[in-house]
């Protein structure tokens, strides 16, 4: 599975592409940061982020996009810019029919480091180790994007199976007819 991880931000939007499946070694395909000038108006900055993400989607053709779930911060201006960049990433993926998964920062940290309270340095060190890189990706936004992709590869398949099972077990869910075999019936 190929996943584009997006660490949203107005000034620096981290992007990273990882190939792999759970339980096997992962491979970094590409990593980078989409930058926008702080002096530019927000709408123009969002257009730059859109163009950047579209370019990454065109070039790397991921099967899914993992975006950091925006959480409440003390600085409302920062959280608004992060939420706007996050929405642009989801929009770009949705236009192409790509599944989008939102992962919380603590979920990503726990998946990559084993603890949801890891700091940026710990995340960068584990991303470096897991992807067998010579050095941690810089800036931290780039490492965080790779961590999002890793988290999705490891957790995404299980979450999708759980969602399908929950939907199938829901009241009113359409059940298929029993399968008849030579010596009885097997219920689906």
Protein backbone atom coordinates (compact mmCIF):
# COMPACT_ATOMS: atom_id res chain seq x y z
CA UNK A 1 0.00 0.00 0.00
CA UNK A 2 1.25 3.48 -0.82
CA UNK A 3 0.18 6.25 1.56
CA UNK A 4 0.66 10.01 1.39
CA UNK A 5 0.94 11.43 4.91
CA UNK A 6 0.10 15.11 5.37
CA UNK A 7 1.10 17.13 8.44
CA UNK A 8 -1.05 20.21 7.76
CA UNK A 9 0.12 23.75 8.32
CA UNK A 10 -0.14 27.09 6.56
CA UNK A 11 3.56 27.98 6.69
CA UNK A 12 4.95 24.45 6.43
CA UNK A 13 2.79 21.54 5.29
CA UNK A 14 4.73 18.30 5.68
CA UNK A 15 4.22 15.61 3.03
CA UNK A 16 5.65 12.12 2.91
CA UNK A 17 4.97 8.99 0.88
CA UNK A 18 5.57 5.50 2.29
CA UNK A 19 5.15 2.08 0.65
CA UNK A 20 4.50 -1.06 2.63
CA UNK A 21 2.16 -3.36 4.48
CA UNK A 22 1.78 -4.07 8.17
CA UNK A 23 4.33 -6.57 9.43
CA UNK A 24 6.84 -5.98 6.62
CA UNK A 25 9.67 -3.46 6.22
CA UNK A 26 8.46 -0.07 5.01
CA UNK A 27 10.06 2.09 2.33
CA UNK A 28 10.11 5.86 2.06
CA UNK A 29 9.27 6.99 -1.46
CA UNK A 30 9.54 10.76 -0.96
CA UNK A 31 9.41 13.41 1.74
CA UNK A 32 9.19 17.18 1.71
CA UNK A 33 7.46 20.34 2.82
CA UNK A 34 5.07 22.61 0.98
CA UNK A 35 5.93 26.15 2.10
CA UNK A 36 3.87 29.32 1.82
CA UNK A 37 4.97 32.90 2.57
CA UNK A 38 3.62 34.24 5.86
CA UNK A 39 3.07 37.69 4.33
CA UNK A 40 0.65 36.31 1.72
CA UNK A 41 -3.12 36.32 2.32
CA UNK A 42 -4.62 33.05 3.54
CA UNK A 43 -6.63 32.27 0.37
CA UNK A 44 -3.50 32.49 -1.78
CA UNK A 45 -1.58 30.35 0.69
CA UNK A 46 -4.31 27.70 0.53
CA UNK A 47 -4.09 27.68 -3.27
CA UNK A 48 -0.33 27.07 -3.01
CA UNK A 49 -0.95 24.17 -0.62
CA UNK A 50 -3.58 22.77 -2.98
CA UNK A 51 -1.21 22.94 -5.94
CA UNK A 52 1.55 21.34 -3.90
CA UNK A 53 -0.60 18.45 -2.69
CA UNK A 54 -2.03 17.92 -6.18
CA UNK A 55 1.53 17.72 -7.53
CA UNK A 56 2.44 15.10 -4.90
CA UNK A 57 -0.70 13.10 -5.72
CA UNK A 58 0.09 13.26 -9.45
CA UNK A 59 3.70 12.25 -9.02
CA UNK A 60 3.40 9.52 -6.38
CA UNK A 61 -0.10 8.08 -6.96
CA UNK A 62 -0.90 7.00 -3.38
CA UNK A 63 -3.72 4.58 -2.60
CA UNK A 64 -4.72 6.52 0.51
CA UNK A 65 -4.08 9.83 2.24
CA UNK A 66 -3.48 10.10 6.00
CA UNK A 67 -3.95 13.56 7.51
CA UNK A 68 -3.26 14.68 11.05
CA UNK A 69 -6.54 15.29 12.86
CA UNK A 70 -6.68 18.90 13.97
CA UNK A 71 -6.92 19.30 17.71
CA UNK A 72 -7.64 22.30 19.88
CA UNK A 73 -4.64 24.47 20.60
CA UNK A 74 -4.29 27.57 22.73
CA UNK A 75 -3.46 29.70 19.70
CA UNK A 76 -6.73 30.00 17.74
CA UNK A 77 -4.97 31.53 14.74
CA UNK A 78 -2.62 28.56 14.48
CA UNK A 79 -5.41 25.99 14.80
CA UNK A 80 -7.46 27.77 12.13
CA UNK A 81 -4.58 27.69 9.64
CA UNK A 82 -3.92 24.03 10.44
CA UNK A 83 -7.61 23.18 9.98
CA UNK A 84 -7.73 25.03 6.67
CA UNK A 85 -4.63 23.24 5.35
CA UNK A 86 -6.09 19.94 6.56
CA UNK A 87 -9.32 20.61 4.66
CA UNK A 88 -7.34 21.34 1.48
CA UNK A 89 -5.53 18.00 1.79
CA UNK A 90 -8.81 16.14 2.28
CA UNK A 91 -10.39 17.97 -0.66
CA UNK A 92 -7.49 17.11 -2.99
CA UNK A 93 -7.77 13.43 -2.04
CA UNK A 94 -11.57 13.37 -2.28
CA UNK A 95 -11.50 14.84 -5.80
CA UNK A 96 -9.51 11.79 -6.87
CA UNK A 97 -11.68 9.31 -4.98
CA UNK A 98 -8.87 8.44 -2.57
CA UNK A 99 -9.73 7.28 0.93
CA UNK A 100 -8.76 9.79 3.62
CA UNK A 101 -7.93 8.80 7.19
CA UNK A 102 -7.55 11.22 10.08
CA UNK A 103 -5.14 10.25 12.84
CA UNK A 104 -4.65 12.16 16.08
CA UNK A 105 -1.15 13.27 17.07
CA UNK A 106 -1.15 10.91 20.07
CA UNK A 107 -2.33 7.99 17.90
CA UNK A 108 0.53 8.62 15.45
CA UNK A 109 3.10 8.96 18.24
CA UNK A 110 1.87 5.75 19.89
CA UNK A 111 1.99 3.83 16.59
CA UNK A 112 5.51 4.96 15.74
CA UNK A 113 7.20 5.21 19.16
CA UNK A 114 5.06 3.12 21.48
CA UNK A 115 3.91 6.11 23.54
CA UNK A 116 1.36 8.80 22.75
CA UNK A 117 3.44 11.33 24.68
CA UNK A 118 6.60 11.13 22.56
CA UNK A 119 8.29 14.38 21.60
CA UNK A 120 9.25 15.51 18.10
CA UNK A 121 12.80 14.18 18.46
CA UNK A 122 11.58 10.71 19.44
CA UNK A 123 9.18 10.62 16.47
CA UNK A 124 11.95 11.71 14.11
CA UNK A 125 14.34 9.09 15.52
CA UNK A 126 11.81 6.27 15.12
CA UNK A 127 10.82 7.34 11.61
CA UNK A 128 14.53 7.31 10.73
CA UNK A 129 14.93 3.83 12.18
CA UNK A 130 11.71 2.35 10.74
CA UNK A 131 12.44 3.62 7.23
CA UNK A 132 16.18 2.90 7.49
CA UNK A 133 17.12 6.50 6.66
CA UNK A 134 20.62 7.91 7.14
CA UNK A 135 19.29 10.89 9.16
CA UNK A 136 15.97 12.22 10.46
CA UNK A 137 13.98 14.16 7.86
CA UNK A 138 14.08 17.92 8.37
CA UNK A 139 12.10 19.92 9.32
CA UNK A 140 10.02 18.03 11.87
CA UNK A 141 6.90 18.55 9.71
CA UNK A 142 8.43 16.22 7.11
CA UNK A 143 9.15 13.52 9.70
CA UNK A 144 5.61 13.92 11.07
CA UNK A 145 4.16 13.38 7.58
CA UNK A 146 6.10 10.12 7.25
CA UNK A 147 4.93 9.10 10.74
CA UNK A 148 1.32 9.67 9.63
CA UNK A 149 1.82 7.43 6.60
CA UNK A 150 3.46 4.73 8.76
CA UNK A 151 0.62 4.93 11.29
CA UNK A 152 -1.96 4.53 8.56
CA UNK A 153 -0.23 1.53 7.01
CA UNK A 154 -0.02 -0.17 10.38
CA UNK A 155 -3.46 0.77 11.70
CA UNK A 156 -5.50 1.55 8.59
CA UNK A 157 -6.15 -2.02 7.49
CA UNK A 158 -7.36 -3.03 10.95
CA UNK A 159 -9.59 0.05 11.19
CA UNK A 160 -11.13 -0.70 7.79
CA UNK A 161 -11.87 -4.31 8.78
CA UNK A 162 -13.44 -3.11 12.03
CA UNK A 163 -15.59 -0.55 10.19
CA UNK A 164 -16.81 -3.21 7.72
CA UNK A 165 -17.61 -5.64 10.54
CA UNK A 166 -19.46 -2.94 12.49
CA UNK A 167 -21.48 -1.98 9.41
CA UNK A 168 -22.34 -5.63 8.70
CA UNK A 169 -23.47 -6.18 12.29
CA UNK A 170 -25.60 -3.02 12.42
CA UNK A 171 -29.38 -3.45 12.73
CA UNK A 172 -30.94 -3.46 9.30
CA UNK A 173 -27.70 -4.40 7.59
CA UNK A 174 -28.37 -6.43 4.50
CA UNK A 175 -27.42 -10.04 5.04
CA UNK A 176 -26.65 -12.37 2.22
CA UNK A 177 -28.54 -15.61 1.82
CA UNK A 178 -27.13 -18.77 3.42
CA UNK A 179 -24.81 -20.79 1.25
CA UNK A 180 -26.10 -24.28 0.55
CA UNK A 181 -23.57 -27.07 0.46
CA UNK A 182 -23.92 -30.80 0.02
CA UNK A 183 -24.43 -31.65 3.71
CA UNK A 184 -26.06 -28.57 5.21
CA UNK A 185 -26.15 -24.81 5.29
CA UNK A 186 -23.39 -22.35 6.12
CA UNK A 187 -24.54 -18.98 7.40
CA UNK A 188 -22.52 -15.97 6.23
